[in-house]
N, C-alpha and C. Protein backbone atom coordinates (compact mmCIF):
# COMPACT_ATOMS: atom_id res chain seq x y z
N MET A 1 -111.22 -8.53 -74.45
CA MET A 1 -110.23 -8.49 -73.43
C MET A 1 -110.39 -7.23 -72.56
N GLU A 2 -110.34 -7.39 -71.34
CA GLU A 2 -110.47 -6.21 -70.43
C GLU A 2 -109.27 -5.25 -70.63
N GLN A 3 -109.58 -3.93 -70.36
CA GLN A 3 -108.54 -2.97 -70.50
C GLN A 3 -107.35 -3.20 -69.57
N SER A 4 -107.66 -3.68 -68.34
CA SER A 4 -106.62 -3.90 -67.38
C SER A 4 -105.58 -5.04 -67.84
N THR A 5 -106.21 -6.07 -68.44
CA THR A 5 -105.41 -7.18 -68.95
C THR A 5 -104.58 -6.63 -70.17
N ASN A 6 -105.20 -5.88 -71.01
CA ASN A 6 -104.58 -5.31 -72.21
C ASN A 6 -103.37 -4.40 -71.75
N ASP A 7 -103.49 -3.64 -70.74
CA ASP A 7 -102.44 -2.80 -70.20
C ASP A 7 -101.33 -3.63 -69.64
N GLN A 8 -101.64 -4.67 -68.95
CA GLN A 8 -100.65 -5.57 -68.39
C GLN A 8 -99.83 -6.25 -69.48
N ILE A 9 -100.47 -6.70 -70.54
CA ILE A 9 -99.81 -7.37 -71.67
C ILE A 9 -98.86 -6.40 -72.43
N LYS A 10 -99.44 -5.23 -72.78
CA LYS A 10 -98.68 -4.22 -73.44
C LYS A 10 -97.49 -3.79 -72.55
N GLY A 11 -97.69 -3.66 -71.26
CA GLY A 11 -96.59 -3.23 -70.39
C GLY A 11 -95.45 -4.29 -70.36
N LYS A 12 -95.85 -5.53 -70.33
CA LYS A 12 -94.89 -6.65 -70.36
C LYS A 12 -94.08 -6.65 -71.72
N LEU A 13 -94.80 -6.40 -72.78
CA LEU A 13 -94.14 -6.36 -74.10
C LEU A 13 -93.15 -5.19 -74.16
N HIS A 14 -93.52 -4.07 -73.64
CA HIS A 14 -92.60 -2.88 -73.60
C HIS A 14 -91.36 -3.18 -72.68
N GLU A 15 -91.59 -3.90 -71.57
CA GLU A 15 -90.42 -4.27 -70.72
C GLU A 15 -89.48 -5.14 -71.48
N VAL A 16 -89.97 -6.20 -72.17
CA VAL A 16 -89.15 -7.07 -72.95
C VAL A 16 -88.41 -6.32 -74.05
N LYS A 17 -89.11 -5.53 -74.78
CA LYS A 17 -88.54 -4.79 -75.90
C LYS A 17 -87.45 -3.82 -75.33
N GLY A 18 -87.76 -3.15 -74.26
CA GLY A 18 -86.79 -2.28 -73.60
C GLY A 18 -85.55 -3.02 -73.16
N SER A 19 -85.73 -4.24 -72.61
CA SER A 19 -84.56 -4.99 -72.16
C SER A 19 -83.68 -5.34 -73.33
N VAL A 20 -84.30 -5.72 -74.45
CA VAL A 20 -83.52 -6.10 -75.66
C VAL A 20 -82.76 -4.85 -76.13
N LYS A 21 -83.45 -3.75 -76.26
CA LYS A 21 -82.78 -2.52 -76.67
C LYS A 21 -81.62 -2.13 -75.76
N GLU A 22 -81.83 -2.26 -74.50
CA GLU A 22 -80.79 -1.97 -73.47
C GLU A 22 -79.59 -2.82 -73.67
N THR A 23 -79.83 -4.13 -73.86
CA THR A 23 -78.75 -5.11 -74.05
C THR A 23 -77.98 -4.82 -75.33
N VAL A 24 -78.71 -4.62 -76.41
CA VAL A 24 -78.09 -4.36 -77.70
C VAL A 24 -77.27 -3.00 -77.64
N GLY A 25 -77.83 -2.00 -76.97
CA GLY A 25 -77.10 -0.77 -76.86
C GLY A 25 -75.85 -0.93 -76.04
N HIS A 26 -75.89 -1.78 -74.99
CA HIS A 26 -74.68 -2.06 -74.19
C HIS A 26 -73.61 -2.84 -75.03
N VAL A 27 -74.05 -3.86 -75.76
CA VAL A 27 -73.15 -4.67 -76.57
C VAL A 27 -72.52 -3.85 -77.70
N THR A 28 -73.28 -3.00 -78.33
CA THR A 28 -72.79 -2.19 -79.46
C THR A 28 -72.17 -0.89 -79.02
N ASN A 29 -72.10 -0.65 -77.66
CA ASN A 29 -71.55 0.60 -77.17
C ASN A 29 -72.33 1.80 -77.63
N SER A 30 -73.63 1.74 -77.63
CA SER A 30 -74.48 2.81 -78.03
C SER A 30 -75.27 3.28 -76.84
N PRO A 31 -74.79 4.37 -76.17
CA PRO A 31 -75.44 4.85 -74.93
C PRO A 31 -76.90 5.36 -75.22
N ASP A 32 -77.05 5.88 -76.46
CA ASP A 32 -78.45 6.37 -76.78
C ASP A 32 -79.48 5.21 -76.82
N LEU A 33 -79.06 4.11 -77.46
CA LEU A 33 -79.98 2.99 -77.53
C LEU A 33 -80.11 2.34 -76.21
N GLU A 34 -79.06 2.31 -75.42
CA GLU A 34 -79.17 1.74 -74.05
C GLU A 34 -80.09 2.57 -73.19
N ALA A 35 -80.05 3.89 -73.28
CA ALA A 35 -80.86 4.75 -72.49
C ALA A 35 -82.37 4.65 -72.99
N ASP A 36 -82.50 4.48 -74.30
CA ASP A 36 -83.87 4.36 -74.83
C ASP A 36 -84.49 3.04 -74.38
N GLY A 37 -83.66 2.00 -74.26
CA GLY A 37 -84.17 0.69 -73.73
C GLY A 37 -84.57 0.85 -72.29
N ARG A 38 -83.73 1.51 -71.44
CA ARG A 38 -84.10 1.67 -70.04
C ARG A 38 -85.41 2.44 -69.94
N THR A 39 -85.53 3.47 -70.74
CA THR A 39 -86.77 4.31 -70.69
C THR A 39 -88.03 3.46 -71.07
N GLU A 40 -87.86 2.68 -72.20
CA GLU A 40 -89.05 1.90 -72.59
C GLU A 40 -89.35 0.76 -71.54
N LYS A 41 -88.30 0.27 -70.93
CA LYS A 41 -88.55 -0.82 -69.92
C LYS A 41 -89.27 -0.18 -68.73
N LEU A 42 -88.89 1.00 -68.33
CA LEU A 42 -89.57 1.66 -67.24
C LEU A 42 -91.01 2.02 -67.57
N ALA A 43 -91.22 2.46 -68.83
CA ALA A 43 -92.61 2.77 -69.25
C ALA A 43 -93.48 1.52 -69.24
N GLY A 44 -92.86 0.40 -69.63
CA GLY A 44 -93.59 -0.85 -69.57
C GLY A 44 -94.00 -1.24 -68.21
N LYS A 45 -93.07 -1.00 -67.24
CA LYS A 45 -93.44 -1.38 -65.84
C LYS A 45 -94.53 -0.49 -65.39
N VAL A 46 -94.49 0.75 -65.72
CA VAL A 46 -95.56 1.68 -65.28
C VAL A 46 -96.89 1.27 -65.87
N GLN A 47 -96.91 0.95 -67.16
CA GLN A 47 -98.15 0.55 -67.84
C GLN A 47 -98.68 -0.80 -67.20
N GLY A 48 -97.79 -1.72 -66.86
CA GLY A 48 -98.24 -2.90 -66.18
C GLY A 48 -98.87 -2.66 -64.85
N LYS A 49 -98.25 -1.71 -64.08
CA LYS A 49 -98.79 -1.35 -62.75
C LYS A 49 -100.20 -0.71 -62.93
N ILE A 50 -100.32 0.11 -63.97
CA ILE A 50 -101.69 0.74 -64.22
C ILE A 50 -102.69 -0.34 -64.46
N GLY A 51 -102.35 -1.37 -65.19
CA GLY A 51 -103.19 -2.48 -65.42
C GLY A 51 -103.55 -3.22 -64.11
N ASP A 52 -102.55 -3.37 -63.20
CA ASP A 52 -102.79 -3.94 -61.90
C ASP A 52 -103.80 -3.20 -61.14
N PHE A 53 -103.64 -1.85 -61.12
CA PHE A 53 -104.56 -1.02 -60.35
C PHE A 53 -105.91 -0.95 -60.97
N GLU A 54 -106.05 -1.04 -62.26
CA GLU A 54 -107.36 -1.08 -62.91
C GLU A 54 -108.08 -2.37 -62.51
N LYS A 55 -107.34 -3.48 -62.43
CA LYS A 55 -107.93 -4.75 -62.01
C LYS A 55 -108.50 -4.63 -60.56
N ILE A 56 -107.66 -4.04 -59.70
CA ILE A 56 -108.12 -3.79 -58.32
C ILE A 56 -109.36 -2.99 -58.23
N LEU A 57 -109.38 -1.97 -59.03
CA LEU A 57 -110.51 -1.01 -59.08
C LEU A 57 -111.75 -1.56 -59.80
N GLY A 58 -111.58 -2.68 -60.57
CA GLY A 58 -112.66 -3.30 -61.21
C GLY A 58 -113.00 -2.71 -62.61
N ASP A 59 -111.91 -2.27 -63.24
CA ASP A 59 -112.08 -1.64 -64.59
C ASP A 59 -113.10 -0.58 -64.53
């Protein structure tokens, strides 16, 4: 599997995991878990964009 595709997949997984953490943090009234989820979701978006740029540049 190409590195760019790998980054895109890992990025999407981090986004989903971050969304779940954010939601659970909100429901359980845990600001730390909610913030951790937002951070992980953002990191996933960044990693996905890196994969997009790698694809454009041709790995």
